[in-house]
């Protein structure tokens, strides 16, 4: 089966036949990463409650959080540390980004290939 670019492409069933079920699971599994999400919103707005509502939907991924109200500016800053795959991280930041008045930035730690080979 050839794709538009002339290279061989295959669907999931072909991968199972070609590589075997165990290899398919490794290919499909996404790596878990640590990420910090920094969220800024106007002080006294409903944005904080909406952000907390989003976080509660993903509380199993949450490792820690910090809330710092700004005295100089009329905004608050909230930071959360999560351990998630890239799809879950995208879901969290996407839902928070839709909240009116919220600005956010996420930083993801790269995966250390050597850590996956080390045994505890």
PDB file of N, CA and C in Angstrom:
ATOM      1  N   UNK A   1       0.837  -1.162   0.000  1.00  0.00           N
ATOM      2  CA  UNK A   1       0.000   0.000   0.000  1.00  0.00           C
ATOM      3  C   UNK A   1       0.892   1.238   0.000  1.00  0.00           C
ATOM      4  N   UNK A   2       0.763   2.107  -1.013  1.00  0.00           N
ATOM      5  CA  UNK A   2       1.609   3.284  -1.117  1.00  0.00           C
ATOM      6  C   UNK A   2       0.815   4.547  -0.853  1.00  0.00           C
ATOM      7  N   UNK A   3       1.460   5.510  -0.205  1.00  0.00           N
ATOM      8  CA  UNK A   3       0.847   6.799   0.077  1.00  0.00           C
ATOM      9  C   UNK A   3       1.032   7.738  -1.094  1.00  0.00           C
ATOM     10  N   UNK A   4       0.611   8.990  -0.924  1.00  0.00           N
ATOM     11  CA  UNK A   4       0.714   9.978  -1.994  1.00  0.00           C
ATOM     12  C   UNK A   4       2.155  10.272  -2.390  1.00  0.00           C
ATOM     13  N   UNK A   5       3.073  10.196  -1.416  1.00  0.00           N
ATOM     14  CA  UNK A   5       4.468  10.521  -1.723  1.00  0.00           C
ATOM     15  C   UNK A   5       5.241   9.341  -2.311  1.00  0.00           C
ATOM     16  N   UNK A   6       4.555   8.208  -2.540  1.00  0.00           N
ATOM     17  CA  UNK A   6       5.198   7.043  -3.121  1.00  0.00           C
ATOM     18  C   UNK A   6       5.829   6.115  -2.107  1.00  0.00           C
ATOM     19  N   UNK A   7       5.872   6.520  -0.852  1.00  0.00           N
ATOM     20  CA  UNK A   7       6.449   5.680   0.196  1.00  0.00           C
ATOM     21  C   UNK A   7       5.394   4.734   0.738  1.00  0.00           C
ATOM     22  N   UNK A   8       5.855   3.632   1.271  1.00  0.00           N
ATOM     23  CA  UNK A   8       4.939   2.651   1.836  1.00  0.00           C
ATOM     24  C   UNK A   8       4.317   3.194   3.116  1.00  0.00           C
ATOM     25  N   UNK A   9       3.013   3.126   3.205  1.00  0.00           N
ATOM     26  CA  UNK A   9       2.316   3.502   4.427  1.00  0.00           C
ATOM     27  C   UNK A   9       1.503   2.304   4.886  1.00  0.00           C
ATOM     28  N   UNK A  10       1.208   2.241   6.156  1.00  0.00           N
ATOM     29  CA  UNK A  10       0.437   1.110   6.652  1.00  0.00           C
ATOM     30  C   UNK A  10      -0.484   1.576   7.768  1.00  0.00           C
ATOM     31  N   UNK A  11      -1.589   0.862   7.910  1.00  0.00           N
ATOM     32  CA  UNK A  11      -2.510   1.184   8.996  1.00  0.00           C
ATOM     33  C   UNK A  11      -2.172   0.327  10.202  1.00  0.00           C
ATOM     34  N   UNK A  12      -2.958   0.456  11.282  1.00  0.00           N
ATOM     35  CA  UNK A  12      -2.661  -0.247  12.525  1.00  0.00           C
ATOM     36  C   UNK A  12      -2.678  -1.756  12.348  1.00  0.00           C
ATOM     37  N   UNK A  13      -3.586  -2.293  11.549  1.00  0.00           N
ATOM     38  CA  UNK A  13      -3.661  -3.741  11.348  1.00  0.00           C
ATOM     39  C   UNK A  13      -2.397  -4.267  10.691  1.00  0.00           C
ATOM     40  N   UNK A  14      -1.854  -3.531   9.738  1.00  0.00           N
ATOM     41  CA  UNK A  14      -0.611  -3.955   9.099  1.00  0.00           C
ATOM     42  C   UNK A  14       0.551  -3.916  10.077  1.00  0.00           C
ATOM     43  N   UNK A  15       0.549  -2.943  10.966  1.00  0.00           N
ATOM     44  CA  UNK A  15       1.617  -2.880  11.963  1.00  0.00           C
ATOM     45  C   UNK A  15       1.571  -4.093  12.880  1.00  0.00           C
ATOM     46  N   UNK A  16       0.379  -4.534  13.237  1.00  0.00           N
ATOM     47  CA  UNK A  16       0.248  -5.716  14.099  1.00  0.00           C
ATOM     48  C   UNK A  16       0.794  -6.941  13.381  1.00  0.00           C
ATOM     49  N   UNK A  17       0.443  -7.113  12.115  1.00  0.00           N
ATOM     50  CA  UNK A  17       0.917  -8.270  11.351  1.00  0.00           C
ATOM     51  C   UNK A  17       2.422  -8.200  11.126  1.00  0.00           C
ATOM     52  N   UNK A  18       2.923  -6.992  10.855  1.00  0.00           N
ATOM     53  CA  UNK A  18       4.326  -6.842  10.490  1.00  0.00           C
ATOM     54  C   UNK A  18       5.245  -6.866  11.709  1.00  0.00           C
ATOM     55  N   UNK A  19       4.913  -6.118  12.749  1.00  0.00           N
ATOM     56  CA  UNK A  19       5.796  -5.984  13.898  1.00  0.00           C
ATOM     57  C   UNK A  19       5.409  -6.857  15.085  1.00  0.00           C
ATOM     58  N   UNK A  20       4.210  -7.272  15.170  1.00  0.00           N
ATOM     59  CA  UNK A  20       3.751  -8.012  16.340  1.00  0.00           C
ATOM     60  C   UNK A  20       3.116  -7.079  17.348  1.00  0.00           C
ATOM     61  N   UNK A  21       2.235  -7.598  18.161  1.00  0.00           N
ATOM     62  CA  UNK A  21       1.441  -6.788  19.083  1.00  0.00           C
ATOM     63  C   UNK A  21       2.292  -6.036  20.114  1.00  0.00           C
ATOM     64  N   UNK A  22       3.309  -6.658  20.682  1.00  0.00           N
ATOM     65  CA  UNK A  22       4.128  -6.006  21.697  1.00  0.00           C
ATOM     66  C   UNK A  22       4.839  -4.766  21.154  1.00  0.00           C
ATOM     67  N   UNK A  23       5.360  -4.866  19.965  1.00  0.00           N
ATOM     68  CA  UNK A  23       6.044  -3.725  19.378  1.00  0.00           C
ATOM     69  C   UNK A  23       5.068  -2.602  19.084  1.00  0.00           C
ATOM     70  N   UNK A  24       3.857  -2.921  18.682  1.00  0.00           N
ATOM     71  CA  UNK A  24       2.856  -1.903  18.409  1.00  0.00           C
ATOM     72  C   UNK A  24       2.542  -1.120  19.681  1.00  0.00           C
ATOM     73  N   UNK A  25       2.444  -1.772  20.822  1.00  0.00           N
ATOM     74  CA  UNK A  25       2.168  -1.084  22.075  1.00  0.00           C
ATOM     75  C   UNK A  25       3.280  -0.101  22.407  1.00  0.00           C
ATOM     76  N   UNK A  26       4.524  -0.467  22.171  1.00  0.00           N
ATOM     77  CA  UNK A  26       5.634   0.441  22.440  1.00  0.00           C
ATOM     78  C   UNK A  26       5.591   1.646  21.507  1.00  0.00           C
ATOM     79  N   UNK A  27       5.216   1.440  20.267  1.00  0.00           N
ATOM     80  CA  UNK A  27       5.146   2.528  19.302  1.00  0.00           C
ATOM     81  C   UNK A  27       4.022   3.489  19.678  1.00  0.00           C
ATOM     82  N   UNK A  28       2.882   2.960  20.098  1.00  0.00           N
ATOM     83  CA  UNK A  28       1.710   3.769  20.385  1.00  0.00           C
ATOM     84  C   UNK A  28       1.799   4.496  21.734  1.00  0.00           C
ATOM     85  N   UNK A  29       2.622   4.009  22.671  1.00  0.00           N
ATOM     86  CA  UNK A  29       2.709   4.601  23.998  1.00  0.00           C
ATOM     87  C   UNK A  29       3.505   5.901  23.952  1.00  0.00           C
ATOM     88  N   UNK A  30       2.934   6.961  24.521  1.00  0.00           N
ATOM     89  CA  UNK A  30       3.603   8.261  24.512  1.00  0.00           C
ATOM     90  C   UNK A  30       4.413   8.428  25.794  1.00  0.00           C
ATOM     91  N   UNK A  31       5.586   9.052  25.710  1.00  0.00           N
ATOM     92  CA  UNK A  31       6.408   9.232  26.912  1.00  0.00           C
ATOM     93  C   UNK A  31       5.789  10.254  27.864  1.00  0.00           C
ATOM     94  N   UNK A  32       5.964  10.001  29.153  1.00  0.00           N
ATOM     95  CA  UNK A  32       5.481  10.902  30.191  1.00  0.00           C
ATOM     96  C   UNK A  32       6.569  11.940  30.457  1.00  0.00           C
ATOM     97  N   UNK A  33       6.184  13.196  30.539  1.00  0.00           N
ATOM     98  CA  UNK A  33       7.141  14.278  30.763  1.00  0.00           C
ATOM     99  C   UNK A  33       6.704  15.130  31.949  1.00  0.00           C
ATOM    100  N   UNK A  34       7.669  15.840  32.511  1.00  0.00           N
ATOM    101  CA  UNK A  34       7.371  16.810  33.558  1.00  0.00           C
ATOM    102  C   UNK A  34       7.243  18.167  32.888  1.00  0.00           C
ATOM    103  N   UNK A  35       6.231  18.937  33.306  1.00  0.00           N
ATOM    104  CA  UNK A  35       6.022  20.260  32.722  1.00  0.00           C
ATOM    105  C   UNK A  35       5.567  21.236  33.797  1.00  0.00           C
ATOM    106  N   UNK A  36       5.939  22.493  33.614  1.00  0.00           N
ATOM    107  CA  UNK A  36       5.477  23.558  34.491  1.00  0.00           C
ATOM    108  C   UNK A  36       4.627  24.487  33.652  1.00  0.00           C
ATOM    109  N   UNK A  37       3.424  24.791  34.139  1.00  0.00           N
ATOM    110  CA  UNK A  37       2.520  25.688  33.430  1.00  0.00           C
ATOM    111  C   UNK A  37       2.359  26.945  34.275  1.00  0.00           C
ATOM    112  N   UNK A  38       2.699  28.095  33.702  1.00  0.00           N
ATOM    113  CA  UNK A  38       2.580  29.386  34.375  1.00  0.00           C
ATOM    114  C   UNK A  38       1.352  30.092  33.817  1.00  0.00           C
ATOM    115  N   UNK A  39       0.447  30.484  34.716  1.00  0.00           N
ATOM    116  CA  UNK A  39      -0.833  31.063  34.315  1.00  0.00           C
ATOM    117  C   UNK A  39      -0.959  32.443  34.941  1.00  0.00           C
ATOM    118  N   UNK A  40      -1.333  33.444  34.137  1.00  0.00           N
ATOM    119  CA  UNK A  40      -1.541  34.802  34.626  1.00  0.00           C
ATOM    120  C   UNK A  40      -2.967  35.223  34.296  1.00  0.00           C
ATOM    121  N   UNK A  41      -3.610  35.900  35.250  1.00  0.00           N
ATOM    122  CA  UNK A  41      -4.995  36.340  35.028  1.00  0.00           C
ATOM    123  C   UNK A  41      -5.261  37.579  35.867  1.00  0.00           C
ATOM    124  N   UNK A  42      -6.258  38.399  35.484  1.00  0.00           N
ATOM    125  CA  UNK A  42      -6.574  39.615  36.246  1.00  0.00           C
ATOM    126  C   UNK A  42      -7.014  39.273  37.667  1.00  0.00           C
ATOM    127  N   UNK A  43      -6.488  40.022  38.625  1.00  0.00           N
ATOM    128  CA  UNK A  43      -6.842  39.790  40.025  1.00  0.00           C
ATOM    129  C   UNK A  43      -8.314  40.135  40.250  1.00  0.00           C
ATOM    130  N   UNK A  44      -9.003  39.284  40.990  1.00  0.00           N
ATOM    131  CA  UNK A  44     -10.407  39.518  41.301  1.00  0.00           C
ATOM    132  C   UNK A  44     -11.373  39.059  40.222  1.00  0.00           C
ATOM    133  N   UNK A  45     -10.865  38.440  39.154  1.00  0.00           N
ATOM    134  CA  UNK A  45     -11.756  37.983  38.084  1.00  0.00           C
ATOM    135  C   UNK A  45     -12.195  36.540  38.343  1.00  0.00           C
ATOM    136  N   UNK A  46     -13.186  36.110  37.576  1.00  0.00           N
ATOM    137  CA  UNK A  46     -13.663  34.729  37.672  1.00  0.00           C
ATOM    138  C   UNK A  46     -12.679  33.757  37.038  1.00  0.00           C
ATOM    139  N   UNK A  47     -11.665  34.261  36.378  1.00  0.00           N
ATOM    140  CA  UNK A  47     -10.706  33.403  35.679  1.00  0.00           C
ATOM    141  C   UNK A  47     -10.053  32.412  36.629  1.00  0.00           C
ATOM    142  N   UNK A  48      -9.757  32.843  37.847  1.00  0.00           N
ATOM    143  CA  UNK A  48      -9.114  31.949  38.810  1.00  0.00           C
ATOM    144  C   UNK A  48      -9.996  30.726  39.077  1.00  0.00           C
ATOM    145  N   UNK A  49     -11.293  30.947  39.292  1.00  0.00           N
ATOM    146  CA  UNK A  49     -12.209  29.834  39.557  1.00  0.00           C
ATOM    147  C   UNK A  49     -12.306  28.895  38.364  1.00  0.00           C
ATOM    148  N   UNK A  50     -12.290  29.456  37.161  1.00  0.00           N
ATOM    149  CA  UNK A  50     -12.358  28.628  35.960  1.00  0.00           C
ATOM    150  C   UNK A  50     -11.074  27.823  35.767  1.00  0.00           C
ATOM    151  N   UNK A  51      -9.925  28.438  36.071  1.00  0.00           N
ATOM    152  CA  UNK A  51      -8.644  27.732  35.969  1.00  0.00           C
ATOM    153  C   UNK A  51      -8.599  26.587  36.980  1.00  0.00           C
ATOM    154  N   UNK A  52      -9.028  26.839  38.201  1.00  0.00           N
ATOM    155  CA  UNK A  52      -9.055  25.793  39.228  1.00  0.00           C
ATOM    156  C   UNK A  52     -10.003  24.667  38.810  1.00  0.00           C
ATOM    157  N   UNK A  53     -11.100  25.009  38.158  1.00  0.00           N
ATOM    158  CA  UNK A  53     -12.032  23.991  37.666  1.00  0.00           C
ATOM    159  C   UNK A  53     -11.361  23.090  36.627  1.00  0.00           C
ATOM    160  N   UNK A  54     -10.577  23.685  35.737  1.00  0.00           N
ATOM    161  CA  UNK A  54      -9.843  22.898  34.728  1.00  0.00           C
ATOM    162  C   UNK A  54      -8.820  22.000  35.413  1.00  0.00           C
ATOM    163  N   UNK A  55      -8.091  22.562  36.370  1.00  0.00           N
ATOM    164  CA  UNK A  55      -7.064  21.792  37.071  1.00  0.00           C
ATOM    165  C   UNK A  55      -7.690  20.595  37.793  1.00  0.00           C
ATOM    166  N   UNK A  56      -8.864  20.787  38.364  1.00  0.00           N
ATOM    167  CA  UNK A  56      -9.514  19.689  39.094  1.00  0.00           C
ATOM    168  C   UNK A  56      -9.869  18.521  38.183  1.00  0.00           C
ATOM    169  N   UNK A  57     -10.086  18.792  36.913  1.00  0.00           N
ATOM    170  CA  UNK A  57     -10.382  17.715  35.956  1.00  0.00           C
ATOM    171  C   UNK A  57      -9.144  16.848  35.694  1.00  0.00           C
ATOM    172  N   UNK A  58      -7.961  17.423  35.919  1.00  0.00           N
ATOM    173  CA  UNK A  58      -6.709  16.725  35.658  1.00  0.00           C
ATOM    174  C   UNK A  58      -5.897  16.538  36.944  1.00  0.00           C
ATOM    175  N   UNK A  59      -6.557  16.484  38.088  1.00  0.00           N
ATOM    176  CA  UNK A  59      -5.838  16.458  39.359  1.00  0.00           C
ATOM    177  C   UNK A  59      -4.942  15.245  39.528  1.00  0.00           C
ATOM    178  N   UNK A  60      -5.213  14.152  38.825  1.00  0.00           N
ATOM    179  CA  UNK A  60      -4.350  12.973  38.939  1.00  0.00           C
ATOM    180  C   UNK A  60      -2.962  13.226  38.340  1.00  0.00           C
ATOM    181  N   UNK A  61      -2.838  14.222  37.482  1.00  0.00           N
ATOM    182  CA  UNK A  61      -1.562  14.547  36.850  1.00  0.00           C
ATOM    183  C   UNK A  61      -0.783  15.613  37.625  1.00  0.00           C
ATOM    184  N   UNK A  62      -1.435  16.255  38.566  1.00  0.00           N
ATOM    185  CA  UNK A  62      -0.863  17.384  39.297  1.00  0.00           C
ATOM    186  C   UNK A  62       0.145  16.925  40.345  1.00  0.00           C
ATOM    187  N   UNK A  63       1.330  17.530  40.320  1.00  0.00           N
ATOM    188  CA  UNK A  63       2.361  17.245  41.323  1.00  0.00           C
ATOM    189  C   UNK A  63       2.457  18.348  42.366  1.00  0.00           C
ATOM    190  N   UNK A  64       2.157  19.580  41.978  1.00  0.00           N
ATOM    191  CA  UNK A  64       2.232  20.689  42.909  1.00  0.00           C
ATOM    192  C   UNK A  64       1.733  21.970  42.266  1.00  0.00           C
ATOM    193  N   UNK A  65       1.456  22.983  43.109  1.00  0.00           N
ATOM    194  CA  UNK A  65       0.986  24.259  42.587  1.00  0.00           C
ATOM    195  C   UNK A  65       1.416  25.396  43.508  1.00  0.00           C
ATOM    196  N   UNK A  66       1.412  26.610  42.956  1.00  0.00           N
ATOM    197  CA  UNK A  66       1.737  27.805  43.727  1.00  0.00           C
ATOM    198  C   UNK A  66       0.911  28.963  43.179  1.00  0.00           C
ATOM    199  N   UNK A  67       0.373  29.787  44.075  1.00  0.00           N
ATOM    200  CA  UNK A  67      -0.401  30.964  43.695  1.00  0.00           C
ATOM    201  C   UNK A  67       0.271  32.185  44.295  1.00  0.00           C
ATOM    202  N   UNK A  68       0.610  33.163  43.456  1.00  0.00           N
ATOM    203  CA  UNK A  68       1.282  34.368  43.913  1.00  0.00           C
ATOM    204  C   UNK A  68       0.492  35.588  43.441  1.00  0.00           C
ATOM    205  N   UNK A  69      -0.216  36.269  44.374  1.00  0.00           N
ATOM    206  CA  UNK A  69      -0.902  37.505  43.970  1.00  0.00           C
ATOM    207  C   UNK A  69       0.128  38.622  43.793  1.00  0.00           C
ATOM    208  N   UNK A  70       0.002  39.385  42.731  1.00  0.00           N
ATOM    209  CA  UNK A  70       0.943  40.474  42.456  1.00  0.00           C
ATOM    210  C   UNK A  70       0.465  41.750  43.145  1.00  0.00           C
ATOM    211  N   UNK A  71       1.379  42.417  43.856  1.00  0.00           N
ATOM    212  CA  UNK A  71       1.026  43.662  44.531  1.00  0.00           C
ATOM    213  C   UNK A  71       1.174  44.866  43.598  1.00  0.00           C
ATOM    214  N   UNK A  72       2.146  44.806  42.678  1.00  0.00           N
ATOM    215  CA  UNK A  72       2.385  45.935  41.783  1.00  0.00           C
ATOM    216  C   UNK A  72       1.364  46.015  40.658  1.00  0.00           C
ATOM    217  N   UNK A  73       1.015  44.889  40.109  1.00  0.00           N
ATOM    218  CA  UNK A  73       0.081  44.849  38.984  1.00  0.00           C
ATOM    219  C   UNK A  73      -1.252  44.300  39.457  1.00  0.00           C
ATOM    220  N   UNK A  74      -2.245  44.530  38.681  1.00  0.00           N
ATOM    221  CA  UNK A  74      -3.582  44.014  39.002  1.00  0.00           C
ATOM    222  C   UNK A  74      -3.773  42.632  38.385  1.00  0.00           C
ATOM    223  N   UNK A  75      -2.812  41.740  38.644  1.00  0.00           N
ATOM    224  CA  UNK A  75      -2.926  40.387  38.134  1.00  0.00           C
ATOM    225  C   UNK A  75      -2.369  39.403  39.150  1.00  0.00           C
ATOM    226  N   UNK A  76      -2.769  38.172  39.028  1.00  0.00           N
ATOM    227  CA  UNK A  76      -2.260  37.090  39.867  1.00  0.00           C
ATOM    228  C   UNK A  76      -1.562  36.080  38.987  1.00  0.00           C
ATOM    229  N   UNK A  77      -0.625  35.374  39.575  1.00  0.00           N
ATOM    230  CA  UNK A  77       0.110  34.337  38.851  1.00  0.00           C
ATOM    231  C   UNK A  77      -0.087  33.019  39.581  1.00  0.00           C
ATOM    232  N   UNK A  78      -0.350  31.996  38.817  1.00  0.00           N
ATOM    233  CA  UNK A  78      -0.586  30.660  39.357  1.00  0.00           C
ATOM    234  C   UNK A  78       0.293  29.712  38.562  1.00  0.00           C
ATOM    235  N   UNK A  79       1.015  28.841  39.219  1.00  0.00           N
ATOM    236  CA  UNK A  79       1.875  27.879  38.538  1.00  0.00           C
ATOM    237  C   UNK A  79       1.554  26.475  38.992  1.00  0.00           C
ATOM    238  N   UNK A  80       1.576  25.535  38.049  1.00  0.00           N
ATOM    239  CA  UNK A  80       1.353  24.137  38.399  1.00  0.00           C
ATOM    240  C   UNK A  80       2.430  23.261  37.766  1.00  0.00           C
ATOM    241  N   UNK A  81       2.795  22.218  38.479  1.00  0.00           N
ATOM    242  CA  UNK A  81       3.746  21.227  37.999  1.00  0.00           C
ATOM    243  C   UNK A  81       2.959  19.954  37.721  1.00  0.00           C
ATOM    244  N   UNK A  82       3.076  19.433  36.501  1.00  0.00           N
ATOM    245  CA  UNK A  82       2.330  18.234  36.120  1.00  0.00           C
ATOM    246  C   UNK A  82       3.274  17.191  35.544  1.00  0.00           C
ATOM    247  N   UNK A  83       2.835  15.964  35.591  1.00  0.00           N
ATOM    248  CA  UNK A  83       3.540  14.858  34.952  1.00  0.00           C
ATOM    249  C   UNK A  83       2.534  14.220  34.002  1.00  0.00           C
ATOM    250  N   UNK A  84       2.743  14.409  32.698  1.00  0.00           N
ATOM    251  CA  UNK A  84       1.752  13.995  31.705  1.00  0.00           C
ATOM    252  C   UNK A  84       2.417  13.754  30.359  1.00  0.00           C
ATOM    253  N   UNK A  85       1.682  13.083  29.459  1.00  0.00           N
ATOM    254  CA  UNK A  85       2.190  12.977  28.093  1.00  0.00           C
ATOM    255  C   UNK A  85       1.798  14.249  27.336  1.00  0.00           C
ATOM    256  N   UNK A  86       2.295  14.405  26.135  1.00  0.00           N
ATOM    257  CA  UNK A  86       2.083  15.647  25.397  1.00  0.00           C
ATOM    258  C   UNK A  86       0.620  15.884  25.047  1.00  0.00           C
ATOM    259  N   UNK A  87      -0.150  14.825  24.834  1.00  0.00           N
ATOM    260  CA  UNK A  87      -1.579  14.984  24.548  1.00  0.00           C
ATOM    261  C   UNK A  87      -2.323  15.528  25.766  1.00  0.00           C
ATOM    262  N   UNK A  88      -2.021  14.986  26.936  1.00  0.00           N
ATOM    263  CA  UNK A  88      -2.661  15.456  28.165  1.00  0.00           C
ATOM    264  C   UNK A  88      -2.260  16.898  28.460  1.00  0.00           C
ATOM    265  N   UNK A  89      -0.994  17.220  28.255  1.00  0.00           N
ATOM    266  CA  UNK A  89      -0.516  18.583  28.460  1.00  0.00           C
ATOM    267  C   UNK A  89      -1.228  19.548  27.516  1.00  0.00           C
ATOM    268  N   UNK A  90      -1.402  19.144  26.287  1.00  0.00           N
ATOM    269  CA  UNK A  90      -2.123  19.971  25.316  1.00  0.00           C
ATOM    270  C   UNK A  90      -3.576  20.172  25.706  1.00  0.00           C
ATOM    271  N   UNK A  91      -4.196  19.139  26.276  1.00  0.00           N
ATOM    272  CA  UNK A  91      -5.583  19.254  26.715  1.00  0.00           C
ATOM    273  C   UNK A  91      -5.710  20.242  27.868  1.00  0.00           C
ATOM    274  N   UNK A  92      -4.791  20.151  28.830  1.00  0.00           N
ATOM    275  CA  UNK A  92      -4.831  21.065  29.977  1.00  0.00           C
ATOM    276  C   UNK A  92      -4.634  22.510  29.521  1.00  0.00           C
ATOM    277  N   UNK A  93      -3.571  22.761  28.773  1.00  0.00           N
ATOM    278  CA  UNK A  93      -3.274  24.133  28.359  1.00  0.00           C
ATOM    279  C   UNK A  93      -4.325  24.665  27.385  1.00  0.00           C
ATOM    280  N   UNK A  94      -4.873  23.789  26.561  1.00  0.00           N
ATOM    281  CA  UNK A  94      -5.922  24.220  25.637  1.00  0.00           C
ATOM    282  C   UNK A  94      -7.179  24.674  26.357  1.00  0.00           C
ATOM    283  N   UNK A  95      -7.579  23.921  27.384  1.00  0.00           N
ATOM    284  CA  UNK A  95      -8.776  24.296  28.148  1.00  0.00           C
ATOM    285  C   UNK A  95      -8.544  25.585  28.939  1.00  0.00           C
ATOM    286  N   UNK A  96      -7.343  25.742  29.502  1.00  0.00           N
ATOM    287  CA  UNK A  96      -7.051  26.964  30.251  1.00  0.00           C
ATOM    288  C   UNK A  96      -6.943  28.172  29.321  1.00  0.00           C
ATOM    289  N   UNK A  97      -6.400  27.957  28.146  1.00  0.00           N
ATOM    290  CA  UNK A  97      -6.243  29.050  27.187  1.00  0.00           C
ATOM    291  C   UNK A  97      -7.560  29.612  26.692  1.00  0.00           C
ATOM    292  N   UNK A  98      -8.626  28.850  26.804  1.00  0.00           N
ATOM    293  CA  UNK A  98      -9.952  29.326  26.381  1.00  0.00           C
ATOM    294  C   UNK A  98     -10.617  30.220  27.419  1.00  0.00           C
ATOM    295  N   UNK A  99     -10.090  30.229  28.640  1.00  0.00           N
ATOM    296  CA  UNK A  99     -10.673  31.049  29.703  1.00  0.00           C
ATOM    297  C   UNK A  99     -10.356  32.521  29.423  1.00  0.00           C
ATOM    298  N   UNK A 100     -11.372  33.373  29.488  1.00  0.00           N
ATOM    299  CA  UNK A 100     -11.222  34.791  29.191  1.00  0.00           C
ATOM    300  C   UNK A 100     -10.270  35.464  30.187  1.00  0.00           C
ATOM    301  N   UNK A 101      -9.297  36.211  29.669  1.00  0.00           N
ATOM    302  CA  UNK A 101      -8.358  36.954  30.500  1.00  0.00           C
ATOM    303  C   UNK A 101      -7.125  36.181  30.915  1.00  0.00           C
ATOM    304  N   UNK A 102      -7.051  34.906  30.580  1.00  0.00           N
ATOM    305  CA  UNK A 102      -5.926  34.069  31.001  1.00  0.00           C
ATOM    306  C   UNK A 102      -4.809  34.109  29.960  1.00  0.00           C
ATOM    307  N   UNK A 103      -3.581  34.264  30.454  1.00  0.00           N
ATOM    308  CA  UNK A 103      -2.389  34.109  29.618  1.00  0.00           C
ATOM    309  C   UNK A 103      -1.585  32.988  30.238  1.00  0.00           C
ATOM    310  N   UNK A 104      -1.026  32.113  29.416  1.00  0.00           N
ATOM    311  CA  UNK A 104      -0.249  31.018  29.984  1.00  0.00           C
ATOM    312  C   UNK A 104       0.924  30.638  29.114  1.00  0.00           C
ATOM    313  N   UNK A 105       1.875  29.998  29.764  1.00  0.00           N
ATOM    314  CA  UNK A 105       3.079  29.499  29.083  1.00  0.00           C
ATOM    315  C   UNK A 105       3.469  28.199  29.753  1.00  0.00           C
ATOM    316  N   UNK A 106       3.838  27.211  28.963  1.00  0.00           N
ATOM    317  CA  UNK A 106       4.266  25.937  29.543  1.00  0.00           C
ATOM    318  C   UNK A 106       5.703  25.646  29.136  1.00  0.00           C
ATOM    319  N   UNK A 107       6.406  24.997  30.038  1.00  0.00           N
ATOM    320  CA  UNK A 107       7.784  24.568  29.792  1.00  0.00           C
ATOM    321  C   UNK A 107       7.844  23.070  30.062  1.00  0.00           C
ATOM    322  N   UNK A 108       8.337  22.313  29.095  1.00  0.00           N
ATOM    323  CA  UNK A 108       8.397  20.857  29.197  1.00  0.00           C
ATOM    324  C   UNK A 108       9.848  20.422  29.271  1.00  0.00           C
ATOM    325  N   UNK A 109      10.156  19.594  30.256  1.00  0.00           N
ATOM    326  CA  UNK A 109      11.508  19.057  30.371  1.00  0.00           C
ATOM    327  C   UNK A 109      11.721  17.986  29.305  1.00  0.00           C
ATOM    328  N   UNK A 110      12.868  17.991  28.649  1.00  0.00           N
ATOM    329  CA  UNK A 110      13.140  16.950  27.661  1.00  0.00           C
ATOM    330  C   UNK A 110      13.315  15.593  28.336  1.00  0.00           C
ATOM    331  N   UNK A 111      13.072  14.552  27.569  1.00  0.00           N
ATOM    332  CA  UNK A 111      13.228  13.193  28.074  1.00  0.00           C
ATOM    333  C   UNK A 111      14.685  12.806  27.988  1.00  0.00           C
ATOM    334  N   UNK A 112      15.225  12.289  29.080  1.00  0.00           N
ATOM    335  CA  UNK A 112      16.599  11.806  29.099  1.00  0.00           C
ATOM    336  C   UNK A 112      16.568  10.339  28.691  1.00  0.00           C
ATOM    337  N   UNK A 113      17.119  10.029  27.544  1.00  0.00           N
ATOM    338  CA  UNK A 113      17.099   8.663  27.017  1.00  0.00           C
ATOM    339  C   UNK A 113      17.805   7.693  27.962  1.00  0.00           C
ATOM    340  N   UNK A 114      18.819   8.135  28.692  1.00  0.00           N
ATOM    341  CA  UNK A 114      19.557   7.268  29.590  1.00  0.00           C
ATOM    342  C   UNK A 114      18.731   6.862  30.796  1.00  0.00           C
ATOM    343  N   UNK A 115      17.782   7.715  31.223  1.00  0.00           N
ATOM    344  CA  UNK A 115      16.944   7.402  32.388  1.00  0.00           C
ATOM    345  C   UNK A 115      16.059   6.197  32.134  1.00  0.00           C
ATOM    346  N   UNK A 116      15.590   6.027  30.901  1.00  0.00           N
ATOM    347  CA  UNK A 116      14.708   4.901  30.610  1.00  0.00           C
ATOM    348  C   UNK A 116      15.431   3.557  30.655  1.00  0.00           C
ATOM    349  N   UNK A 117      16.778   3.588  30.526  1.00  0.00           N
ATOM    350  CA  UNK A 117      17.532   2.350  30.540  1.00  0.00           C
ATOM    351  C   UNK A 117      18.046   2.005  31.927  1.00  0.00           C
ATOM    352  N   UNK A 118      18.070   2.973  32.847  1.00  0.00           N
ATOM    353  CA  UNK A 118      18.551   2.727  34.202  1.00  0.00           C
ATOM    354  C   UNK A 118      17.513   2.008  35.028  1.00  0.00           C
ATOM    355  N   UNK A 119      17.955   1.138  35.908  1.00  0.00           N
ATOM    356  CA  UNK A 119      17.058   0.457  36.813  1.00  0.00           C
ATOM    357  C   UNK A 119      17.194   1.081  38.194  1.00  0.00           C
ATOM    358  N   UNK A 120      16.077   1.210  38.943  1.00  0.00           N
ATOM    359  CA  UNK A 120      16.143   1.840  40.267  1.00  0.00           C
ATOM    360  C   UNK A 120      16.936   1.012  41.258  1.00  0.00           C
TER     361      UNK A 120
END
